[in-house]
C-alpha atoms as a PDB file:
ATOM      1  CA  MET A   1     101.041 233.000 147.389  1.00  0.00           C
ATOM      2  CA  ALA A   2     101.098 236.057 150.145  1.00  0.00           C
ATOM      3  CA  GLN A   3      98.979 238.151 148.256  1.00  0.00           C
ATOM      4  CA  GLY A   4      95.764 235.724 147.830  1.00  0.00           C
ATOM      5  CA  LYS A   5      96.164 234.251 150.653  1.00  0.00           C
ATOM      6  CA  ILE A   6      95.758 230.857 148.628  1.00  0.00           C
ATOM      7  CA  SER A   7      97.931 227.428 150.004  1.00  0.00           C
ATOM      8  CA  TYR A   8      98.540 225.209 147.559  1.00  0.00           C
ATOM      9  CA  PRO A   9      99.740 221.767 148.320  1.00  0.00           C
ATOM     10  CA  SER A  10     103.201 220.722 148.214  1.00  0.00           C
ATOM     11  CA  VAL A  11     103.909 218.724 145.240  1.00  0.00           C
ATOM     12  CA  PHE A  12     106.528 215.820 147.232  1.00  0.00           C
ATOM     13  CA  VAL A  13     104.190 213.925 149.167  1.00  0.00           C
ATOM     14  CA  VAL A  14     105.698 211.235 151.281  1.00  0.00           C
ATOM     15  CA  ASP A  15     103.359 208.261 152.573  1.00  0.00           C
ATOM     16  CA  SER A  16     103.311 206.350 155.969  1.00  0.00           C
ATOM     17  CA  PRO A  17     105.765 203.299 156.019  1.00  0.00           C
ATOM     18  CA  THR A  18     103.808 200.649 154.214  1.00  0.00           C
ATOM     19  CA  ARG A  19     105.213 196.571 153.453  1.00  0.00           C
ATOM     20  CA  PRO A  20     106.685 195.942 150.538  1.00  0.00           C
ATOM     21  CA  PRO A  21     104.463 194.179 147.687  1.00  0.00           C
ATOM     22  CA  PRO A  22     104.376 190.394 147.837  1.00  0.00           C
ATOM     23  CA  LEU A  23     106.437 188.229 146.005  1.00  0.00           C
ATOM     24  CA  PRO A  24     105.203 186.252 142.966  1.00  0.00           C
ATOM     25  CA  PRO A  25     104.705 182.545 143.862  1.00  0.00           C
ATOM     26  CA  LYS A  26     107.394 180.170 143.021  1.00  0.00           C
ATOM     27  CA  PRO A  27     107.334 178.047 140.224  1.00  0.00           C
ATOM     28  CA  VAL A  28     105.414 174.349 141.226  1.00  0.00           C
ATOM     29  CA  TYR A  29     107.854 172.761 137.942  1.00  0.00           C
ATOM     30  CA  ARG A  30     110.824 172.062 139.852  1.00  0.00           C
ATOM     31  CA  ASN A  31     109.276 170.024 142.444  1.00  0.00           C
ATOM     32  CA  ARG A  32     107.475 167.483 140.031  1.00  0.00           C
ATOM     33  CA  GLN A  33     111.031 167.762 138.236  1.00  0.00           C
ATOM     34  CA  LYS A  34     112.271 166.098 141.373  1.00  0.00           C
ATOM     35  CA  TRP A  35     110.477 164.249 142.380  1.00  0.00           C
ATOM     36  CA  ILE A  36     110.029 162.604 138.667  1.00  0.00           C
ATOM     37  CA  GLN A  37     113.845 162.091 139.088  1.00  0.00           C
ATOM     38  CA  THR A  38     113.534 160.467 142.971  1.00  0.00           C
ATOM     39  CA  LEU A  39     111.035 158.030 140.894  1.00  0.00           C
ATOM     40  CA  LEU A  40     113.345 157.099 138.558  1.00  0.00           C
ATOM     41  CA  VAL A  41     116.043 156.100 140.535  1.00  0.00           C
ATOM     42  CA  ILE A  42     114.002 153.998 142.471  1.00  0.00           C
ATOM     43  CA  LEU A  43     112.783 151.934 139.424  1.00  0.00           C
ATOM     44  CA  VAL A  44     116.031 151.821 137.488  1.00  0.00           C
ATOM     45  CA  SER A  45     117.681 150.502 141.283  1.00  0.00           C
ATOM     46  CA  LEU A  46     114.683 147.657 141.565  1.00  0.00           C
ATOM     47  CA  ALA A  47     115.651 146.480 137.693  1.00  0.00           C
ATOM     48  CA  LEU A  48     119.357 146.432 138.310  1.00  0.00           C
ATOM     49  CA  PHE A  49     118.420 144.247 141.834  1.00  0.00           C
ATOM     50  CA  GLY A  50     116.350 141.934 139.966  1.00  0.00           C
ATOM     51  CA  MET A  51     119.221 141.032 137.216  1.00  0.00           C
ATOM     52  CA  THR A  52     121.097 140.821 140.147  1.00  0.00           C
ATOM     53  CA  VAL A  53     118.802 138.470 141.656  1.00  0.00           C
ATOM     54  CA  GLU A  54     118.297 136.430 138.016  1.00  0.00           C
ATOM     55  CA  ALA A  55     122.000 136.363 137.328  1.00  0.00           C
ATOM     56  CA  CYS A  56     122.909 135.026 140.730  1.00  0.00           C
ATOM     57  CA  PHE A  57     120.252 131.984 139.814  1.00  0.00           C
ATOM     58  CA  ILE A  58     121.846 131.631 136.226  1.00  0.00           C
ATOM     59  CA  TYR A  59     124.955 130.548 138.014  1.00  0.00           C
ATOM     60  CA  ARG A  60     123.418 128.411 140.484  1.00  0.00           C
ATOM     61  CA  LEU A  61     121.933 126.643 137.937  1.00  0.00           C
ATOM     62  CA  TYR A  62     124.984 126.146 135.944  1.00  0.00           C
ATOM     63  CA  SER A  63     127.364 125.393 138.786  1.00  0.00           C
ATOM     64  CA  THR A  64     124.551 122.823 140.255  1.00  0.00           C
ATOM     65  CA  LYS A  65     124.601 121.310 137.256  1.00  0.00           C
ATOM     66  CA  GLU A  66     128.312 120.919 136.685  1.00  0.00           C
ATOM     67  CA  GLN A  67     129.069 119.604 139.537  1.00  0.00           C
ATOM     68  CA  PRO A  68     129.181 115.243 140.478  1.00  0.00           C
ATOM     69  CA  VAL A  69     126.728 113.930 142.290  1.00  0.00           C
ATOM     70  CA  PRO A  70     126.309 110.493 143.576  1.00  0.00           C
ATOM     71  CA  PRO A  71     124.947 108.128 141.679  1.00  0.00           C
ATOM     72  CA  ASP A  72     123.179 106.211 144.610  1.00  0.00           C
ATOM     73  CA  GLU A  73     121.091 109.207 145.832  1.00  0.00           C
ATOM     74  CA  PRO A  74     117.162 108.645 144.650  1.00  0.00           C
ATOM     75  CA  GLN A  75     116.820 111.919 142.918  1.00  0.00           C
ATOM     76  CA  THR A  76     119.858 110.738 140.751  1.00  0.00           C
ATOM     77  CA  ALA A  77     117.750 107.625 139.918  1.00  0.00           C
ATOM     78  CA  MET A  78     115.031 109.684 138.964  1.00  0.00           C
ATOM     79  CA  ARG A  79     116.704 111.548 136.432  1.00  0.00           C
ATOM     80  CA  LYS A  80     118.141 108.594 134.945  1.00  0.00           C
ATOM     81  CA  GLN A  81     114.904 106.743 134.494  1.00  0.00           C
ATOM     82  CA  ASP A  82     112.939 110.405 133.296  1.00  0.00           C
ATOM     83  CA  LYS A  83     115.690 110.655 130.671  1.00  0.00           C
ATOM     84  CA  ILE A  84     115.460 106.633 129.758  1.00  0.00           C
ATOM     85  CA  ASP A  85     111.922 107.444 128.951  1.00  0.00           C
ATOM     86  CA  ARG A  86     111.974 110.546 127.380  1.00  0.00           C
ATOM     87  CA  VAL A  87     114.979 109.290 124.455  1.00  0.00           C
ATOM     88  CA  PRO A  88     112.454 106.892 122.036  1.00  0.00           C
ATOM     89  CA  SER A  89     113.832 103.574 121.712  1.00  0.00           C
ATOM     90  CA  LYS A  90     114.976 102.423 118.441  1.00  0.00           C
ATOM     91  CA  HIS A  91     114.382  99.014 118.470  1.00  0.00           C
ATOM     92  CA  LYS A  92     110.671  99.171 119.917  1.00  0.00           C
ATOM     93  CA  LEU A  93     107.956  97.466 117.412  1.00  0.00           C
ATOM     94  CA  GLY A  94     104.929  99.568 117.318  1.00  0.00           C
ATOM     95  CA  GLU A  95     106.383 102.719 119.286  1.00  0.00           C
ATOM     96  CA  ILE A  96     104.074 104.706 116.052  1.00  0.00           C
ATOM     97  CA  LYS A  97     100.706 103.274 116.541  1.00  0.00           C
ATOM     98  CA  PRO A  98      97.871 103.497 113.769  1.00  0.00           C
ATOM     99  CA  SER A  99      95.086 106.059 113.799  1.00  0.00           C
ATOM    100  CA  LYS A 100      92.298 103.181 113.393  1.00  0.00           C
ATOM    101  CA  PRO A 101      92.196 100.034 114.308  1.00  0.00           C
ATOM    102  CA  MET A 102      93.963  97.452 112.531  1.00  0.00           C
ATOM    103  CA  ALA A 103      95.370  93.992 111.839  1.00  0.00           C
ATOM    104  CA  GLN A 104      97.306  91.539 109.528  1.00  0.00           C
ATOM    105  CA  LEU A 105      98.437  87.716 110.371  1.00  0.00           C
ATOM    106  CA  ALA A 106     100.923  85.872 108.576  1.00  0.00           C
ATOM    107  CA  THR A 107     101.573  81.742 108.802  1.00  0.00           C
ATOM    108  CA  ASN A 108     103.873  79.550 107.658  1.00  0.00           C
ATOM    109  CA  GLN A 109     102.033  76.458 109.217  1.00  0.00           C
ATOM    110  CA  LYS A 110      99.865  74.223 107.157  1.00  0.00           C
ATOM    111  CA  PRO A 111      95.952  74.174 107.760  1.00  0.00           C
ATOM    112  CA  VAL A 112      93.960  71.882 110.046  1.00  0.00           C
ATOM    113  CA  ASN A 113      90.343  71.199 108.647  1.00  0.00           C
ATOM    114  CA  GLY A 114      90.878  73.706 106.179  1.00  0.00           C
ATOM    115  CA  VAL A 115      91.113  76.236 108.427  1.00  0.00           C
ATOM    116  CA  ILE A 116      94.588  78.459 108.641  1.00  0.00           C
ATOM    117  CA  LEU A 117      96.456  78.908 111.322  1.00  0.00           C
ATOM    118  CA  TRP A 118      98.244  82.491 111.964  1.00  0.00           C
ATOM    119  CA  ASN A 119     101.319  82.080 113.983  1.00  0.00           C
ATOM    120  CA  TYR A 120     103.031  85.317 112.894  1.00  0.00           C
ATOM    121  CA  GLN A 121     101.103  88.551 113.906  1.00  0.00           C
ATOM    122  CA  ALA A 122     102.692  91.411 111.832  1.00  0.00           C
ATOM    123  CA  ILE A 123     100.246  94.387 113.311  1.00  0.00           C
ATOM    124  CA  LEU A 124      97.723  93.962 115.746  1.00  0.00           C
ATOM    125  CA  HIS A 125      95.868  97.022 117.243  1.00  0.00           C
ATOM    126  CA  HIS A 126      92.947  97.424 118.702  1.00  0.00           C
ATOM    127  CA  VAL A 127      91.829  93.842 116.649  1.00  0.00           C
ATOM    128  CA  LYS A 128      92.007  90.333 118.539  1.00  0.00           C
ATOM    129  CA  HIS A 129      93.533  87.489 117.616  1.00  0.00           C
ATOM    130  CA  SER A 130      92.313  84.226 119.202  1.00  0.00           C
ATOM    131  CA  GLU A 131      92.017  81.099 117.970  1.00  0.00           C
ATOM    132  CA  ASP A 132      93.640  81.649 114.330  1.00  0.00           C
ATOM    133  CA  LYS A 133      90.525  84.312 114.367  1.00  0.00           C
ATOM    134  CA  LEU A 134      90.184  88.073 114.240  1.00  0.00           C
ATOM    135  CA  ILE A 135      87.857  89.490 117.032  1.00  0.00           C
ATOM    136  CA  ILE A 136      86.798  93.339 116.053  1.00  0.00           C
ATOM    137  CA  GLU A 137      86.351  95.474 119.009  1.00  0.00           C
ATOM    138  CA  LYS A 138      85.121  98.363 117.264  1.00  0.00           C
ATOM    139  CA  GLU A 139      82.388  98.715 114.772  1.00  0.00           C
ATOM    140  CA  GLY A 140      82.766 100.433 111.660  1.00  0.00           C
ATOM    141  CA  TYR A 141      83.617 100.021 107.804  1.00  0.00           C
ATOM    142  CA  TYR A 142      86.395  97.416 107.714  1.00  0.00           C
ATOM    143  CA  SER A 143      88.871  96.668 104.615  1.00  0.00           C
ATOM    144  CA  VAL A 144      89.401  92.517 104.969  1.00  0.00           C
ATOM    145  CA  TYR A 145      91.981  91.030 102.810  1.00  0.00           C
ATOM    146  CA  SER A 146      93.784  87.290 102.495  1.00  0.00           C
ATOM    147  CA  LYS A 147      96.182  85.947 100.132  1.00  0.00           C
ATOM    148  CA  ILE A 148      97.214  82.366  99.670  1.00  0.00           C
ATOM    149  CA  ASN A 149     100.046  81.110  97.723  1.00  0.00           C
ATOM    150  CA  PHE A 150      99.399  77.134  96.988  1.00  0.00           C
ATOM    151  CA  HIS A 151     100.258  74.256  94.509  1.00  0.00           C
ATOM    152  CA  ASP A 152      97.219  74.116  91.654  1.00  0.00           C
ATOM    153  CA  ASP A 153      97.481  69.947  91.383  1.00  0.00           C
ATOM    154  CA  THR A 154      93.570  69.844  91.886  1.00  0.00           C
ATOM    155  CA  ILE A 155      90.998  69.780  89.728  1.00  0.00           C
ATOM    156  CA  SER A 156      88.926  72.264  92.424  1.00  0.00           C
ATOM    157  CA  CYS A 157      90.237  74.954  94.884  1.00  0.00           C
ATOM    158  CA  SER A 158      88.228  77.119  96.902  1.00  0.00           C
ATOM    159  CA  HIS A 159      90.470  80.050  99.402  1.00  0.00           C
ATOM    160  CA  ALA A 160      87.678  81.977 102.037  1.00  0.00           C
ATOM    161  CA  VAL A 161      87.121  84.655 104.102  1.00  0.00           C
ATOM    162  CA  LEU A 162      84.249  83.421 106.645  1.00  0.00           C
ATOM    163  CA  TRP A 163      82.371  85.525 109.580  1.00  0.00           C
ATOM    164  CA  ILE A 164      80.670  84.712 112.347  1.00  0.00           C
ATOM    165  CA  THR A 165      78.463  87.495 114.176  1.00  0.00           C
ATOM    166  CA  PRO A 166      75.969  86.848 116.629  1.00  0.00           C
ATOM    167  CA  ARG A 167      73.405  89.021 115.084  1.00  0.00           C
ATOM    168  CA  TYR A 168      72.464  86.173 112.476  1.00  0.00           C
ATOM    169  CA  ALA A 169      71.489  82.842 113.879  1.00  0.00           C
ATOM    170  CA  GLY A 170      73.505  80.137 112.099  1.00  0.00           C
ATOM    171  CA  SER A 171      77.025  78.651 111.180  1.00  0.00           C
ATOM    172  CA  GLU A 172      79.398  81.172 109.466  1.00  0.00           C
ATOM    173  CA  LEU A 173      78.658  83.556 106.775  1.00  0.00           C
ATOM    174  CA  VAL A 174      80.770  84.131 103.543  1.00  0.00           C
ATOM    175  CA  LEU A 175      81.891  87.400 102.840  1.00  0.00           C
ATOM    176  CA  LEU A 176      84.731  86.730 100.277  1.00  0.00           C
ATOM    177  CA  GLN A 177      85.371  83.324  98.116  1.00  0.00           C
ATOM    178  CA  SER A 178      87.882  82.088  95.083  1.00  0.00           C
ATOM    179  CA  SER A 179      87.362  79.167  93.707  1.00  0.00           C
ATOM    180  CA  ARG A 180      88.552  77.174  90.677  1.00  0.00           C
ATOM    181  CA  PHE A 181      87.701  74.384  88.740  1.00  0.00           C
ATOM    182  CA  ARG A 182      89.976  72.401  86.434  1.00  0.00           C
ATOM    183  CA  SER A 183      89.020  69.491  83.799  1.00  0.00           C
ATOM    184  CA  THR A 184      92.364  67.729  84.000  1.00  0.00           C
ATOM    185  CA  PRO A 185      94.615  68.862  87.725  1.00  0.00           C
ATOM    186  CA  LEU A 186      98.125  70.842  86.528  1.00  0.00           C
ATOM    187  CA  ARG A 187     101.423  69.370  87.148  1.00  0.00           C
ATOM    188  CA  PRO A 188     102.821  69.632  90.730  1.00  0.00           C
ATOM    189  CA  ALA A 189     105.200  71.547  89.910  1.00  0.00           C
ATOM    190  CA  THR A 190     102.779  74.004  89.300  1.00  0.00           C
ATOM    191  CA  THR A 191     102.053  77.184  91.828  1.00  0.00           C
ATOM    192  CA  ASP A 192      99.674  79.903  91.726  1.00  0.00           C
ATOM    193  CA  ASN A 193      98.017  82.297  94.064  1.00  0.00           C
ATOM    194  CA  SER A 194      94.713  83.618  96.015  1.00  0.00           C
ATOM    195  CA  TYR A 195      93.821  87.169  96.400  1.00  0.00           C
ATOM    196  CA  LEU A 196      90.636  88.322  97.622  1.00  0.00           C
ATOM    197  CA  SER A 197      89.581  91.891  99.432  1.00  0.00           C
ATOM    198  CA  GLY A 198      86.922  93.556  99.848  1.00  0.00           C
ATOM    199  CA  VAL A 199      85.110  96.222 102.417  1.00  0.00           C
ATOM    200  CA  PHE A 200      82.053  95.613 104.403  1.00  0.00           C
ATOM    201  CA  HIS A 201      80.322  96.881 108.129  1.00  0.00           C
ATOM    202  CA  LEU A 202      81.172  95.292 111.046  1.00  0.00           C
ATOM    203  CA  TYR A 203      80.215  95.124 114.509  1.00  0.00           C
ATOM    204  CA  LYS A 204      81.892  94.682 117.825  1.00  0.00           C
ATOM    205  CA  ASP A 205      82.479  91.233 118.594  1.00  0.00           C
ATOM    206  CA  ASP A 206      82.126  89.723 114.922  1.00  0.00           C
ATOM    207  CA  VAL A 207      84.394  87.178 113.901  1.00  0.00           C
ATOM    208  CA  LEU A 208      86.841  86.568 110.705  1.00  0.00           C
ATOM    209  CA  PHE A 209      89.032  83.536 109.706  1.00  0.00           C
ATOM    210  CA  VAL A 210      90.152  81.924 106.740  1.00  0.00           C
ATOM    211  CA  ARG A 211      89.869  78.489 105.405  1.00  0.00           C
ATOM    212  CA  VAL A 212      91.305  76.742 102.360  1.00  0.00           C
ATOM    213  CA  LYS A 213      90.072  73.547 100.583  1.00  0.00           C
ATOM    214  CA  ASN A 214      92.012  71.224  98.391  1.00  0.00           C
ATOM    215  CA  CYS A 215      94.833  73.748  98.681  1.00  0.00           C
ATOM    216  CA  THR A 216      98.494  72.535  99.060  1.00  0.00           C
ATOM    217  CA  LEU A 217      99.827  76.108 100.403  1.00  0.00           C
ATOM    218  CA  VAL A 218     103.156  77.089  99.674  1.00  0.00           C
ATOM    219  CA  LEU A 219     104.732  77.556 103.237  1.00  0.00           C
ATOM    220  CA  SER A 220     108.336  78.551 102.280  1.00  0.00           C
ATOM    221  CA  THR A 221     107.913  81.787 103.589  1.00  0.00           C
ATOM    222  CA  ALA A 222     104.967  83.983 105.724  1.00  0.00           C
ATOM    223  CA  ALA A 223     105.073  86.728 103.200  1.00  0.00           C
ATOM    224  CA  GLU A 224     103.217  84.652 100.894  1.00  0.00           C
ATOM    225  CA  ASN A 225     100.090  83.570 102.941  1.00  0.00           C
ATOM    226  CA  TYR A 226      98.787  86.678 105.231  1.00  0.00           C
ATOM    227  CA  PHE A 227      95.279  87.921 106.482  1.00  0.00           C
ATOM    228  CA  GLY A 228      94.250  90.952 107.513  1.00  0.00           C
ATOM    229  CA  VAL A 229      91.781  94.074 108.394  1.00  0.00           C
ATOM    230  CA  PHE A 230      91.813  97.641 108.788  1.00  0.00           C
ATOM    231  CA  MET A 231      89.032 100.130 109.513  1.00  0.00           C
ATOM    232  CA  VAL A 232      88.953 102.898 106.253  1.00  0.00           C
END
C-alpha cells in the first residue's frame, strides 16, 4: 500500500444507525374468532331465556287448571256451557242431517175422504209437511214412494200419489197409481199391500199427497203405511 500510494477502502463498513424493519401485521382470524364466540354466547343466552319463559307459562297454565274455581263466576258458567255445546248428545234426533232434501211420513189413522192423514214425521229435511201433504222446497229430481197395508175385501181398490203444481192449471195430477179389480170380493180377513215408487222432476212449491179408494187400511202399526220423497 505504501509503495503505490493506493488507498483501499476498509472491508468493514458501519452504516449509520437506522430503525429495525417493521413487524408483520397480526393475523385477523383471531379477532373474527372472538366476535363469533361472543355472538354464539348471545344466541345461546336468548334460547335459554325463551325456554325459561315457556316453562313458566306452562307451569302457570297447569296450575290454573288444578285450582278450584267458584261455580258462581261468569267464566266458569261460560266454560260449562261451552263444554255442553261441544259434547254431542246421544238423545238428539236428526243430529246428522241428510245431504239432500228428503221426507218420510207414517200414519196409524184412518183416511178422511180417501186422503191419508199422516201423523208421524220420521224424517223431514228441506221438505215441508202441511195438511197431510208434502211441499217441495227445492227443485230437482225426486224419488217418490208410498206403501199401504189394507184388507182386500172389496171388488176394486186404488192407491195413488197425486201431484199439485202451479205450472199446470186445473185439479191434481196422478203421479203413481195402483188399481185392483176382482170379480168377487175376498174374505174380510185377507190382507194385502200396495207399494208405489217412481222418479220425477219436481219444482219448488209442488205438493204431493196420497189418496186411497175402497181400501180399508190396516192400522196396527205406522210402519205398514208410509209416504216419502228424497232427492236423487
